[in-house]
């Protein structure tokens, strides 16, 4: 083989090899999935300040909740989440039980403002309100504490956000019984929330700014009977202040109704809360008032809860809170002969 032929073959091989490089780059495998594990724990010491019944006297330490989150992020806009919920059980919380709180897959198409979810997922209201309040460590929100709502349920949903969270919302179709009450029957609940930011602040999160928010939940109890909730809220949140007020109307038809009971009670929940972060410190002051009237057509069943306290952010992963939780009742019959109950609490929240 002459030198000129060998030289030509060598040039051709080098050219072919050079053409392979861009093709290989174009066929790069998708990035590997990212799986993270995190958690949050709520612990407390509680001392009963007032409760004349005696049987309810408390002076104890406890862990109220421990959540373990496993979150996966995959190519194509797919995410998954599984959360275990360790909580007290029994008449006095003598033991702990582990339940699933969340277990869902979520898909956000490329360039889409919508995320589609399926499984055991967030319900539209409580997850959003707890993010606004930011003190779930103190206890559950008014609708949750009084049995009108649950934080998660089995079903399907769509989350949406537009213009950097100026508008965000969620729509779900769920069983309606909550994550800890089984799957219920064929009846389903439809829940929806929409929140609109009217004025911006230095908090650009999904709950930040001056906002007006509405929520509706319409469905049926297992066995029949209406289960409807309608709520409106006006809120303001910046890095220093949080202020919010809400009004909710409830309807729970009992079907079939026990003899002598109200078969169609309508209720009312009014709640207001505020948080003030003292500048250049980890200290914050919190206050909240919940007024719950389970049956507006009856008298004597209204209760009022007042919460006040001071918190300190020890580290980014540890927050402590000292507060007083006082509940007063319109009628002593509702309160089992005691018209007022007060508790002093020292609570902690740590994340990992």
C-alpha atoms as a PDB file:
ATOM      1  CA  UNK A   1       0.000   0.000   0.000  1.00  0.00           C
ATOM      2  CA  UNK A   2       1.475   3.324  -1.029  1.00  0.00           C
ATOM      3  CA  UNK A   3       2.084   6.131   1.432  1.00  0.00           C
ATOM      4  CA  UNK A   4      -0.609   8.291  -0.158  1.00  0.00           C
ATOM      5  CA  UNK A   5      -3.257   5.582   0.293  1.00  0.00           C
ATOM      6  CA  UNK A   6      -2.270   4.983   3.927  1.00  0.00           C
ATOM      7  CA  UNK A   7      -2.416   8.738   4.544  1.00  0.00           C
ATOM      8  CA  UNK A   8      -5.921   8.956   3.049  1.00  0.00           C
ATOM      9  CA  UNK A   9      -7.205   6.068   5.174  1.00  0.00           C
ATOM     10  CA  UNK A  10      -5.804   7.669   8.310  1.00  0.00           C
ATOM     11  CA  UNK A  11      -7.553  10.957   7.559  1.00  0.00           C
ATOM     12  CA  UNK A  12     -10.848   9.120   6.992  1.00  0.00           C
ATOM     13  CA  UNK A  13     -10.584   7.256  10.327  1.00  0.00           C
ATOM     14  CA  UNK A  14      -9.859  10.473  12.232  1.00  0.00           C
ATOM     15  CA  UNK A  15     -12.814  12.218  10.542  1.00  0.00           C
ATOM     16  CA  UNK A  16     -15.151   9.354  11.378  1.00  0.00           C
ATOM     17  CA  UNK A  17     -14.030   9.363  15.000  1.00  0.00           C
ATOM     18  CA  UNK A  18     -14.608  13.101  15.191  1.00  0.00           C
ATOM     19  CA  UNK A  19     -18.138  12.670  13.904  1.00  0.00           C
ATOM     20  CA  UNK A  20     -18.949  10.157  16.618  1.00  0.00           C
ATOM     21  CA  UNK A  21     -18.363  12.589  19.517  1.00  0.00           C
ATOM     22  CA  UNK A  22     -21.389  14.886  18.955  1.00  0.00           C
ATOM     23  CA  UNK A  23     -23.636  11.859  18.431  1.00  0.00           C
ATOM     24  CA  UNK A  24     -22.507  10.349  21.718  1.00  0.00           C
ATOM     25  CA  UNK A  25     -23.181  13.645  23.510  1.00  0.00           C
ATOM     26  CA  UNK A  26     -26.677  13.767  22.051  1.00  0.00           C
ATOM     27  CA  UNK A  27     -27.426  10.303  23.439  1.00  0.00           C
ATOM     28  CA  UNK A  28     -26.455  11.061  27.062  1.00  0.00           C
ATOM     29  CA  UNK A  29     -28.492   9.021  29.510  1.00  0.00           C
ATOM     30  CA  UNK A  30     -31.072  10.851  31.656  1.00  0.00           C
ATOM     31  CA  UNK A  31     -29.847  11.954  35.081  1.00  0.00           C
ATOM     32  CA  UNK A  32     -30.200   9.364  37.841  1.00  0.00           C
ATOM     33  CA  UNK A  33     -33.132   9.745  40.253  1.00  0.00           C
ATOM     34  CA  UNK A  34     -32.614  11.882  43.344  1.00  0.00           C
ATOM     35  CA  UNK A  35     -33.958  10.345  46.548  1.00  0.00           C
ATOM     36  CA  UNK A  36     -33.850  12.303  49.811  1.00  0.00           C
ATOM     37  CA  UNK A  37     -34.879  11.365  53.348  1.00  0.00           C
ATOM     38  CA  UNK A  38     -35.932  14.000  55.875  1.00  0.00           C
ATOM     39  CA  UNK A  39     -38.115  14.297  58.939  1.00  0.00           C
ATOM     40  CA  UNK A  40     -39.774  16.543  61.490  1.00  0.00           C
ATOM     41  CA  UNK A  41     -40.587  15.819  65.143  1.00  0.00           C
ATOM     42  CA  UNK A  42     -42.969  17.645  67.505  1.00  0.00           C
ATOM     43  CA  UNK A  43     -42.361  17.115  71.211  1.00  0.00           C
ATOM     44  CA  UNK A  44     -43.868  18.817  74.246  1.00  0.00           C
ATOM     45  CA  UNK A  45     -44.170  19.173  77.980  1.00  0.00           C
ATOM     46  CA  UNK A  46     -47.697  20.016  79.131  1.00  0.00           C
ATOM     47  CA  UNK A  47     -49.000  21.104  82.519  1.00  0.00           C
ATOM     48  CA  UNK A  48     -52.718  21.406  83.210  1.00  0.00           C
ATOM     49  CA  UNK A  49     -53.313  24.873  84.667  1.00  0.00           C
ATOM     50  CA  UNK A  50     -57.079  24.541  85.122  1.00  0.00           C
ATOM     51  CA  UNK A  51     -59.458  21.590  84.856  1.00  0.00           C
ATOM     52  CA  UNK A  52     -61.772  20.922  87.783  1.00  0.00           C
ATOM     53  CA  UNK A  53     -62.582  17.404  86.585  1.00  0.00           C
ATOM     54  CA  UNK A  54     -59.313  16.083  87.953  1.00  0.00           C
ATOM     55  CA  UNK A  55     -59.258  13.140  85.524  1.00  0.00           C
ATOM     56  CA  UNK A  56     -57.890  15.436  82.837  1.00  0.00           C
ATOM     57  CA  UNK A  57     -54.998  16.791  84.914  1.00  0.00           C
ATOM     58  CA  UNK A  58     -51.730  16.596  82.980  1.00  0.00           C
ATOM     59  CA  UNK A  59     -48.079  16.920  83.905  1.00  0.00           C
ATOM     60  CA  UNK A  60     -46.175  15.016  81.265  1.00  0.00           C
ATOM     61  CA  UNK A  61     -43.653  14.880  78.454  1.00  0.00           C
ATOM     62  CA  UNK A  62     -44.612  13.377  75.093  1.00  0.00           C
ATOM     63  CA  UNK A  63     -43.856  13.172  71.401  1.00  0.00           C
ATOM     64  CA  UNK A  64     -46.948  14.361  69.573  1.00  0.00           C
ATOM     65  CA  UNK A  65     -45.830  13.626  66.038  1.00  0.00           C
ATOM     66  CA  UNK A  66     -42.823  12.267  64.143  1.00  0.00           C
ATOM     67  CA  UNK A  67     -42.815  12.359  60.339  1.00  0.00           C
ATOM     68  CA  UNK A  68     -40.339  10.570  58.059  1.00  0.00           C
ATOM     69  CA  UNK A  69     -40.358  11.799  54.449  1.00  0.00           C
ATOM     70  CA  UNK A  70     -38.874   9.936  51.481  1.00  0.00           C
ATOM     71  CA  UNK A  71     -39.009  12.080  48.336  1.00  0.00           C
ATOM     72  CA  UNK A  72     -37.938  10.961  44.882  1.00  0.00           C
ATOM     73  CA  UNK A  73     -37.290  13.174  41.846  1.00  0.00           C
ATOM     74  CA  UNK A  74     -37.078  11.523  38.454  1.00  0.00           C
ATOM     75  CA  UNK A  75     -36.644  12.599  34.860  1.00  0.00           C
ATOM     76  CA  UNK A  76     -39.652  13.732  32.883  1.00  0.00           C
ATOM     77  CA  UNK A  77     -41.110  15.820  35.703  1.00  0.00           C
ATOM     78  CA  UNK A  78     -42.045  12.852  37.918  1.00  0.00           C
ATOM     79  CA  UNK A  79     -41.863  13.118  41.715  1.00  0.00           C
ATOM     80  CA  UNK A  80     -42.894  10.720  44.451  1.00  0.00           C
ATOM     81  CA  UNK A  81     -43.362  11.111  48.193  1.00  0.00           C
ATOM     82  CA  UNK A  82     -43.944   8.651  51.010  1.00  0.00           C
ATOM     83  CA  UNK A  83     -44.427   9.972  54.565  1.00  0.00           C
ATOM     84  CA  UNK A  84     -44.789   7.897  57.689  1.00  0.00           C
ATOM     85  CA  UNK A  85     -46.661   9.456  60.625  1.00  0.00           C
ATOM     86  CA  UNK A  86     -45.822   8.262  64.133  1.00  0.00           C
ATOM     87  CA  UNK A  87     -48.479   9.478  66.573  1.00  0.00           C
ATOM     88  CA  UNK A  88     -49.792   8.719  70.079  1.00  0.00           C
ATOM     89  CA  UNK A  89     -52.747   6.390  70.410  1.00  0.00           C
ATOM     90  CA  UNK A  90     -54.945   5.064  73.202  1.00  0.00           C
ATOM     91  CA  UNK A  91     -56.985   6.971  75.752  1.00  0.00           C
ATOM     92  CA  UNK A  92     -53.923   8.710  77.191  1.00  0.00           C
ATOM     93  CA  UNK A  93     -51.410   8.206  74.394  1.00  0.00           C
ATOM     94  CA  UNK A  94     -49.890   5.177  76.119  1.00  0.00           C
ATOM     95  CA  UNK A  95     -48.386   3.865  72.870  1.00  0.00           C
ATOM     96  CA  UNK A  96     -47.409   4.993  69.384  1.00  0.00           C
ATOM     97  CA  UNK A  97     -48.825   3.910  66.041  1.00  0.00           C
ATOM     98  CA  UNK A  98     -47.200   4.331  62.622  1.00  0.00           C
ATOM     99  CA  UNK A  99     -49.492   5.298  59.740  1.00  0.00           C
ATOM    100  CA  UNK A 100     -49.042   6.484  56.182  1.00  0.00           C
ATOM    101  CA  UNK A 101     -49.624  10.231  55.928  1.00  0.00           C
ATOM    102  CA  UNK A 102     -48.680  10.683  52.269  1.00  0.00           C
ATOM    103  CA  UNK A 103     -47.919   8.215  49.488  1.00  0.00           C
ATOM    104  CA  UNK A 104     -48.380   9.708  46.026  1.00  0.00           C
ATOM    105  CA  UNK A 105     -46.871  10.241  42.605  1.00  0.00           C
ATOM    106  CA  UNK A 106     -46.867  13.719  41.055  1.00  0.00           C
ATOM    107  CA  UNK A 107     -46.176  14.617  37.433  1.00  0.00           C
ATOM    108  CA  UNK A 108     -45.460  18.105  36.102  1.00  0.00           C
ATOM    109  CA  UNK A 109     -45.221  18.158  32.294  1.00  0.00           C
ATOM    110  CA  UNK A 110     -42.361  20.235  30.902  1.00  0.00           C
ATOM    111  CA  UNK A 111     -43.350  23.905  30.790  1.00  0.00           C
ATOM    112  CA  UNK A 112     -46.715  23.279  32.459  1.00  0.00           C
ATOM    113  CA  UNK A 113     -48.239  25.280  35.320  1.00  0.00           C
ATOM    114  CA  UNK A 114     -50.127  22.182  36.501  1.00  0.00           C
ATOM    115  CA  UNK A 115     -49.037  19.186  38.573  1.00  0.00           C
ATOM    116  CA  UNK A 116     -51.104  16.000  38.545  1.00  0.00           C
ATOM    117  CA  UNK A 117     -51.188  13.798  41.678  1.00  0.00           C
ATOM    118  CA  UNK A 118     -52.514  10.346  42.476  1.00  0.00           C
ATOM    119  CA  UNK A 119     -52.446   8.417  45.761  1.00  0.00           C
ATOM    120  CA  UNK A 120     -52.593   9.443  49.409  1.00  0.00           C
ATOM    121  CA  UNK A 121     -52.123  13.177  48.930  1.00  0.00           C
ATOM    122  CA  UNK A 122     -52.476  16.636  50.489  1.00  0.00           C
ATOM    123  CA  UNK A 123     -55.993  17.980  50.734  1.00  0.00           C
ATOM    124  CA  UNK A 124     -56.281  21.548  49.432  1.00  0.00           C
ATOM    125  CA  UNK A 125     -56.805  23.568  52.616  1.00  0.00           C
ATOM    126  CA  UNK A 126     -54.826  22.440  55.667  1.00  0.00           C
ATOM    127  CA  UNK A 127     -51.396  22.028  54.068  1.00  0.00           C
ATOM    128  CA  UNK A 128     -51.677  25.580  52.697  1.00  0.00           C
ATOM    129  CA  UNK A 129     -52.988  27.104  55.949  1.00  0.00           C
ATOM    130  CA  UNK A 130     -50.339  25.366  58.060  1.00  0.00           C
ATOM    131  CA  UNK A 131     -47.641  26.839  55.793  1.00  0.00           C
ATOM    132  CA  UNK A 132     -49.131  30.306  56.394  1.00  0.00           C
ATOM    133  CA  UNK A 133     -49.406  29.871  60.197  1.00  0.00           C
ATOM    134  CA  UNK A 134     -46.018  28.073  60.419  1.00  0.00           C
ATOM    135  CA  UNK A 135     -46.670  26.837  63.976  1.00  0.00           C
ATOM    136  CA  UNK A 136     -48.061  23.357  63.456  1.00  0.00           C
ATOM    137  CA  UNK A 137     -45.835  22.436  66.402  1.00  0.00           C
ATOM    138  CA  UNK A 138     -48.411  24.092  68.707  1.00  0.00           C
ATOM    139  CA  UNK A 139     -51.269  21.921  67.452  1.00  0.00           C
ATOM    140  CA  UNK A 140     -53.636  21.467  64.548  1.00  0.00           C
ATOM    141  CA  UNK A 141     -55.630  24.225  62.842  1.00  0.00           C
ATOM    142  CA  UNK A 142     -59.218  25.062  63.805  1.00  0.00           C
ATOM    143  CA  UNK A 143     -60.961  22.952  61.130  1.00  0.00           C
ATOM    144  CA  UNK A 144     -58.684  19.983  61.790  1.00  0.00           C
ATOM    145  CA  UNK A 145     -58.816  20.214  65.590  1.00  0.00           C
ATOM    146  CA  UNK A 146     -62.613  20.200  65.565  1.00  0.00           C
ATOM    147  CA  UNK A 147     -63.060  17.363  63.073  1.00  0.00           C
ATOM    148  CA  UNK A 148     -64.136  19.370  60.022  1.00  0.00           C
ATOM    149  CA  UNK A 149     -61.102  18.656  57.824  1.00  0.00           C
ATOM    150  CA  UNK A 150     -58.139  16.340  57.439  1.00  0.00           C
ATOM    151  CA  UNK A 151     -54.677  17.056  56.068  1.00  0.00           C
ATOM    152  CA  UNK A 152     -54.503  14.125  53.613  1.00  0.00           C
ATOM    153  CA  UNK A 153     -56.788  11.651  51.888  1.00  0.00           C
ATOM    154  CA  UNK A 154     -56.845   8.979  49.185  1.00  0.00           C
ATOM    155  CA  UNK A 155     -57.655  10.306  45.720  1.00  0.00           C
ATOM    156  CA  UNK A 156     -56.477  12.318  42.722  1.00  0.00           C
ATOM    157  CA  UNK A 157     -55.747  15.991  42.353  1.00  0.00           C
ATOM    158  CA  UNK A 158     -54.315  18.854  40.340  1.00  0.00           C
ATOM    159  CA  UNK A 159     -52.093  21.617  41.746  1.00  0.00           C
ATOM    160  CA  UNK A 160     -51.588  24.832  39.822  1.00  0.00           C
ATOM    161  CA  UNK A 161     -49.598  28.045  40.180  1.00  0.00           C
ATOM    162  CA  UNK A 162     -49.307  30.990  37.848  1.00  0.00           C
ATOM    163  CA  UNK A 163     -47.165  34.131  37.594  1.00  0.00           C
ATOM    164  CA  UNK A 164     -44.726  33.233  40.347  1.00  0.00           C
ATOM    165  CA  UNK A 165     -47.508  32.155  42.747  1.00  0.00           C
ATOM    166  CA  UNK A 166     -49.603  35.271  42.280  1.00  0.00           C
ATOM    167  CA  UNK A 167     -52.385  32.738  41.851  1.00  0.00           C
ATOM    168  CA  UNK A 168     -52.202  29.185  43.156  1.00  0.00           C
ATOM    169  CA  UNK A 169     -54.749  26.510  43.855  1.00  0.00           C
ATOM    170  CA  UNK A 170     -55.584  22.842  44.174  1.00  0.00           C
ATOM    171  CA  UNK A 171     -58.461  20.606  43.133  1.00  0.00           C
ATOM    172  CA  UNK A 172     -58.945  17.075  44.489  1.00  0.00           C
ATOM    173  CA  UNK A 173     -61.438  14.218  44.340  1.00  0.00           C
ATOM    174  CA  UNK A 174     -60.969  12.053  47.453  1.00  0.00           C
ATOM    175  CA  UNK A 175     -62.699   9.402  49.534  1.00  0.00           C
ATOM    176  CA  UNK A 176     -63.534  12.010  52.161  1.00  0.00           C
ATOM    177  CA  UNK A 177     -62.752   9.983  55.289  1.00  0.00           C
ATOM    178  CA  UNK A 178     -59.150  11.120  55.720  1.00  0.00           C
ATOM    179  CA  UNK A 179     -55.914   9.159  55.804  1.00  0.00           C
ATOM    180  CA  UNK A 180     -56.624   7.556  59.197  1.00  0.00           C
ATOM    181  CA  UNK A 181     -60.304   6.580  58.797  1.00  0.00           C
ATOM    182  CA  UNK A 182     -60.305   4.032  56.000  1.00  0.00           C
ATOM    183  CA  UNK A 183     -61.533   4.327  52.427  1.00  0.00           C
ATOM    184  CA  UNK A 184     -65.253   4.814  53.128  1.00  0.00           C
ATOM    185  CA  UNK A 185     -67.858   3.805  50.556  1.00  0.00           C
ATOM    186  CA  UNK A 186     -68.629   4.762  46.955  1.00  0.00           C
ATOM    187  CA  UNK A 187     -69.358   8.386  47.878  1.00  0.00           C
ATOM    188  CA  UNK A 188     -66.592  10.903  47.120  1.00  0.00           C
ATOM    189  CA  UNK A 189     -65.737  14.466  48.199  1.00  0.00           C
ATOM    190  CA  UNK A 190     -64.640  17.267  45.884  1.00  0.00           C
ATOM    191  CA  UNK A 191     -62.353  19.900  47.422  1.00  0.00           C
ATOM    192  CA  UNK A 192     -60.923  23.045  45.853  1.00  0.00           C
ATOM    193  CA  UNK A 193     -58.852  26.039  46.960  1.00  0.00           C
ATOM    194  CA  UNK A 194     -57.710  29.161  45.123  1.00  0.00           C
ATOM    195  CA  UNK A 195     -55.493  31.920  46.530  1.00  0.00           C
ATOM    196  CA  UNK A 196     -54.794  35.266  44.856  1.00  0.00           C
ATOM    197  CA  UNK A 197     -51.995  37.633  45.895  1.00  0.00           C
ATOM    198  CA  UNK A 198     -53.275  41.211  45.820  1.00  0.00           C
ATOM    199  CA  UNK A 199     -50.097  42.942  47.017  1.00  0.00           C
ATOM    200  CA  UNK A 200     -46.508  41.704  47.075  1.00  0.00           C
ATOM    201  CA  UNK A 201     -44.256  41.671  50.144  1.00  0.00           C
ATOM    202  CA  UNK A 202     -40.694  40.487  50.788  1.00  0.00           C
ATOM    203  CA  UNK A 203     -42.153  36.963  51.206  1.00  0.00           C
ATOM    204  CA  UNK A 204     -42.585  35.561  47.690  1.00  0.00           C
ATOM    205  CA  UNK A 205     -43.695  32.093  48.780  1.00  0.00           C
ATOM    206  CA  UNK A 206     -47.057  30.528  47.911  1.00  0.00           C
ATOM    207  CA  UNK A 207     -48.554  32.045  51.102  1.00  0.00           C
ATOM    208  CA  UNK A 208     -46.720  35.394  51.033  1.00  0.00           C
ATOM    209  CA  UNK A 209     -48.166  38.855  50.408  1.00  0.00           C
ATOM    210  CA  UNK A 210     -51.645  40.234  50.941  1.00  0.00           C
ATOM    211  CA  UNK A 211     -53.952  37.431  49.818  1.00  0.00           C
ATOM    212  CA  UNK A 212     -57.571  36.506  49.513  1.00  0.00           C
ATOM    213  CA  UNK A 213     -58.204  32.757  49.597  1.00  0.00           C
ATOM    214  CA  UNK A 214     -61.310  30.644  49.187  1.00  0.00           C
ATOM    215  CA  UNK A 215     -61.973  26.972  49.830  1.00  0.00           C
ATOM    216  CA  UNK A 216     -64.921  24.674  49.221  1.00  0.00           C
ATOM    217  CA  UNK A 217     -65.402  21.029  50.119  1.00  0.00           C
ATOM    218  CA  UNK A 218     -68.575  19.225  49.050  1.00  0.00           C
ATOM    219  CA  UNK A 219     -69.277  15.563  49.677  1.00  0.00           C
ATOM    220  CA  UNK A 220     -71.093  12.820  51.547  1.00  0.00           C
ATOM    221  CA  UNK A 221     -70.405  10.975  54.766  1.00  0.00           C
ATOM    222  CA  UNK A 222     -70.023   7.220  54.571  1.00  0.00           C
ATOM    223  CA  UNK A 223     -73.561   5.868  54.726  1.00  0.00           C
ATOM    224  CA  UNK A 224     -75.075   9.114  53.441  1.00  0.00           C
ATOM    225  CA  UNK A 225     -75.533  12.655  54.652  1.00  0.00           C
ATOM    226  CA  UNK A 226     -74.004  15.933  53.509  1.00  0.00           C
ATOM    227  CA  UNK A 227     -70.464  16.968  54.418  1.00  0.00           C
ATOM    228  CA  UNK A 228     -69.963  20.534  53.156  1.00  0.00           C
ATOM    229  CA  UNK A 229     -67.400  23.204  54.087  1.00  0.00           C
ATOM    230  CA  UNK A 230     -67.089  26.716  52.651  1.00  0.00           C
ATOM    231  CA  UNK A 231     -64.325  29.049  53.800  1.00  0.00           C
ATOM    232  CA  UNK A 232     -62.914  32.483  53.041  1.00  0.00           C
ATOM    233  CA  UNK A 233     -59.675  34.018  54.342  1.00  0.00           C
ATOM    234  CA  UNK A 234     -57.880  37.348  54.146  1.00  0.00           C
ATOM    235  CA  UNK A 235     -54.189  37.093  55.034  1.00  0.00           C
ATOM    236  CA  UNK A 236     -50.996  39.125  55.022  1.00  0.00           C
ATOM    237  CA  UNK A 237     -47.523  37.690  55.326  1.00  0.00           C
ATOM    238  CA  UNK A 238     -44.076  39.236  55.150  1.00  0.00           C
ATOM    239  CA  UNK A 239     -40.797  38.089  56.669  1.00  0.00           C
ATOM    240  CA  UNK A 240     -41.672  40.010  59.844  1.00  0.00           C
ATOM    241  CA  UNK A 241     -45.486  39.766  60.159  1.00  0.00           C
ATOM    242  CA  UNK A 242     -48.231  37.234  59.597  1.00  0.00           C
ATOM    243  CA  UNK A 243     -51.884  38.194  60.059  1.00  0.00           C
ATOM    244  CA  UNK A 244     -54.873  36.125  58.966  1.00  0.00           C
ATOM    245  CA  UNK A 245     -58.606  35.893  59.538  1.00  0.00           C
ATOM    246  CA  UNK A 246     -60.959  33.183  58.280  1.00  0.00           C
ATOM    247  CA  UNK A 247     -64.646  32.381  58.362  1.00  0.00           C
ATOM    248  CA  UNK A 248     -65.983  28.897  57.611  1.00  0.00           C
ATOM    249  CA  UNK A 249     -69.509  27.544  57.294  1.00  0.00           C
ATOM    250  CA  UNK A 250     -70.110  23.816  57.788  1.00  0.00           C
ATOM    251  CA  UNK A 251     -73.004  21.443  57.181  1.00  0.00           C
ATOM    252  CA  UNK A 252     -73.178  17.831  58.358  1.00  0.00           C
ATOM    253  CA  UNK A 253     -76.381  15.951  57.687  1.00  0.00           C
ATOM    254  CA  UNK A 254     -76.775  12.832  59.797  1.00  0.00           C
ATOM    255  CA  UNK A 255     -78.279   9.982  57.801  1.00  0.00           C
ATOM    256  CA  UNK A 256     -79.920   7.978  59.219  1.00  0.00           C
ATOM    257  CA  UNK A 257     -80.396  10.253  62.230  1.00  0.00           C
ATOM    258  CA  UNK A 258     -80.630   8.897  65.783  1.00  0.00           C
ATOM    259  CA  UNK A 259     -83.961   9.559  67.425  1.00  0.00           C
ATOM    260  CA  UNK A 260     -84.215  13.035  68.933  1.00  0.00           C
ATOM    261  CA  UNK A 261     -81.094  14.472  67.224  1.00  0.00           C
ATOM    262  CA  UNK A 262     -80.710  17.396  64.844  1.00  0.00           C
ATOM    263  CA  UNK A 263     -80.497  15.815  61.400  1.00  0.00           C
ATOM    264  CA  UNK A 264     -79.151  18.859  59.577  1.00  0.00           C
ATOM    265  CA  UNK A 265     -76.786  20.908  61.775  1.00  0.00           C
ATOM    266  CA  UNK A 266     -74.971  23.871  60.270  1.00  0.00           C
ATOM    267  CA  UNK A 267     -71.861  25.101  62.029  1.00  0.00           C
ATOM    268  CA  UNK A 268     -69.533  28.075  62.012  1.00  0.00           C
ATOM    269  CA  UNK A 269     -65.784  28.393  62.594  1.00  0.00           C
ATOM    270  CA  UNK A 270     -64.048  31.742  62.985  1.00  0.00           C
ATOM    271  CA  UNK A 271     -60.287  31.827  63.398  1.00  0.00           C
ATOM    272  CA  UNK A 272     -57.691  34.568  63.494  1.00  0.00           C
ATOM    273  CA  UNK A 273     -53.953  34.352  64.104  1.00  0.00           C
ATOM    274  CA  UNK A 274     -50.820  36.437  63.997  1.00  0.00           C
ATOM    275  CA  UNK A 275     -47.039  36.053  64.222  1.00  0.00           C
ATOM    276  CA  UNK A 276     -44.507  38.837  64.872  1.00  0.00           C
ATOM    277  CA  UNK A 277     -40.807  38.132  64.313  1.00  0.00           C
ATOM    278  CA  UNK A 278     -38.680  40.472  66.435  1.00  0.00           C
ATOM    279  CA  UNK A 279     -36.039  42.004  64.115  1.00  0.00           C
ATOM    280  CA  UNK A 280     -32.450  40.758  64.339  1.00  0.00           C
ATOM    281  CA  UNK A 281     -33.331  37.930  66.695  1.00  0.00           C
ATOM    282  CA  UNK A 282     -34.701  34.414  66.633  1.00  0.00           C
ATOM    283  CA  UNK A 283     -37.647  35.421  68.813  1.00  0.00           C
ATOM    284  CA  UNK A 284     -41.253  35.506  67.635  1.00  0.00           C
ATOM    285  CA  UNK A 285     -44.569  36.205  69.338  1.00  0.00           C
ATOM    286  CA  UNK A 286     -47.655  34.197  68.339  1.00  0.00           C
ATOM    287  CA  UNK A 287     -51.375  34.564  69.061  1.00  0.00           C
ATOM    288  CA  UNK A 288     -54.481  32.779  67.849  1.00  0.00           C
ATOM    289  CA  UNK A 289     -58.212  32.726  68.573  1.00  0.00           C
ATOM    290  CA  UNK A 290     -60.616  29.999  67.368  1.00  0.00           C
ATOM    291  CA  UNK A 291     -64.385  30.305  67.885  1.00  0.00           C
ATOM    292  CA  UNK A 292     -66.314  27.138  67.006  1.00  0.00           C
ATOM    293  CA  UNK A 293     -70.103  26.837  66.970  1.00  0.00           C
ATOM    294  CA  UNK A 294     -71.027  23.284  65.874  1.00  0.00           C
ATOM    295  CA  UNK A 295     -74.739  24.084  65.527  1.00  0.00           C
ATOM    296  CA  UNK A 296     -75.738  27.692  64.930  1.00  0.00           C
ATOM    297  CA  UNK A 297     -79.435  26.886  65.469  1.00  0.00           C
ATOM    298  CA  UNK A 298     -78.786  25.630  69.010  1.00  0.00           C
ATOM    299  CA  UNK A 299     -77.424  27.411  72.055  1.00  0.00           C
ATOM    300  CA  UNK A 300     -74.797  26.418  74.582  1.00  0.00           C
ATOM    301  CA  UNK A 301     -72.384  24.508  72.332  1.00  0.00           C
ATOM    302  CA  UNK A 302     -69.967  27.269  71.327  1.00  0.00           C
ATOM    303  CA  UNK A 303     -66.326  27.049  72.408  1.00  0.00           C
ATOM    304  CA  UNK A 304     -63.525  29.608  72.259  1.00  0.00           C
ATOM    305  CA  UNK A 305     -59.821  28.751  72.194  1.00  0.00           C
ATOM    306  CA  UNK A 306     -57.146  31.383  72.876  1.00  0.00           C
ATOM    307  CA  UNK A 307     -53.467  30.619  72.252  1.00  0.00           C
ATOM    308  CA  UNK A 308     -50.564  32.899  73.063  1.00  0.00           C
ATOM    309  CA  UNK A 309     -46.846  32.269  73.261  1.00  0.00           C
ATOM    310  CA  UNK A 310     -43.244  33.111  72.483  1.00  0.00           C
ATOM    311  CA  UNK A 311     -40.896  31.056  70.307  1.00  0.00           C
ATOM    312  CA  UNK A 312     -37.161  31.000  69.717  1.00  0.00           C
ATOM    313  CA  UNK A 313     -35.319  29.652  66.677  1.00  0.00           C
ATOM    314  CA  UNK A 314     -32.344  28.002  68.364  1.00  0.00           C
ATOM    315  CA  UNK A 315     -30.786  26.762  65.116  1.00  0.00           C
ATOM    316  CA  UNK A 316     -32.164  26.399  61.571  1.00  0.00           C
ATOM    317  CA  UNK A 317     -33.222  22.864  62.569  1.00  0.00           C
ATOM    318  CA  UNK A 318     -34.545  23.484  66.096  1.00  0.00           C
ATOM    319  CA  UNK A 319     -37.350  25.755  67.314  1.00  0.00           C
ATOM    320  CA  UNK A 320     -38.857  25.915  70.814  1.00  0.00           C
ATOM    321  CA  UNK A 321     -42.161  27.449  71.919  1.00  0.00           C
ATOM    322  CA  UNK A 322     -43.629  28.337  75.315  1.00  0.00           C
ATOM    323  CA  UNK A 323     -47.369  28.994  75.191  1.00  0.00           C
ATOM    324  CA  UNK A 324     -50.690  28.895  76.989  1.00  0.00           C
ATOM    325  CA  UNK A 325     -53.698  27.160  75.407  1.00  0.00           C
ATOM    326  CA  UNK A 326     -57.015  28.148  77.009  1.00  0.00           C
ATOM    327  CA  UNK A 327     -60.429  26.740  76.021  1.00  0.00           C
ATOM    328  CA  UNK A 328     -63.684  28.164  77.377  1.00  0.00           C
ATOM    329  CA  UNK A 329     -67.170  26.782  76.792  1.00  0.00           C
ATOM    330  CA  UNK A 330     -70.483  28.566  76.447  1.00  0.00           C
ATOM    331  CA  UNK A 331     -72.229  25.905  78.527  1.00  0.00           C
ATOM    332  CA  UNK A 332     -70.936  23.743  81.351  1.00  0.00           C
ATOM    333  CA  UNK A 333     -72.908  20.804  79.920  1.00  0.00           C
ATOM    334  CA  UNK A 334     -70.656  20.768  76.845  1.00  0.00           C
ATOM    335  CA  UNK A 335     -67.516  20.943  78.957  1.00  0.00           C
ATOM    336  CA  UNK A 336     -68.504  18.098  81.297  1.00  0.00           C
ATOM    337  CA  UNK A 337     -69.226  20.500  84.162  1.00  0.00           C
ATOM    338  CA  UNK A 338     -66.081  22.581  83.581  1.00  0.00           C
ATOM    339  CA  UNK A 339     -66.466  25.842  81.648  1.00  0.00           C
ATOM    340  CA  UNK A 340     -62.745  26.487  81.220  1.00  0.00           C
ATOM    341  CA  UNK A 341     -59.602  24.452  80.646  1.00  0.00           C
ATOM    342  CA  UNK A 342     -56.102  25.874  80.458  1.00  0.00           C
ATOM    343  CA  UNK A 343     -52.783  24.259  79.658  1.00  0.00           C
ATOM    344  CA  UNK A 344     -49.245  25.542  79.809  1.00  0.00           C
ATOM    345  CA  UNK A 345     -46.941  24.015  77.195  1.00  0.00           C
ATOM    346  CA  UNK A 346     -43.267  23.953  76.317  1.00  0.00           C
ATOM    347  CA  UNK A 347     -42.940  22.573  72.810  1.00  0.00           C
ATOM    348  CA  UNK A 348     -40.161  21.838  70.365  1.00  0.00           C
ATOM    349  CA  UNK A 349     -39.838  21.180  66.643  1.00  0.00           C
ATOM    350  CA  UNK A 350     -36.724  19.737  65.085  1.00  0.00           C
ATOM    351  CA  UNK A 351     -36.056  18.787  61.500  1.00  0.00           C
ATOM    352  CA  UNK A 352     -33.402  16.644  59.866  1.00  0.00           C
END
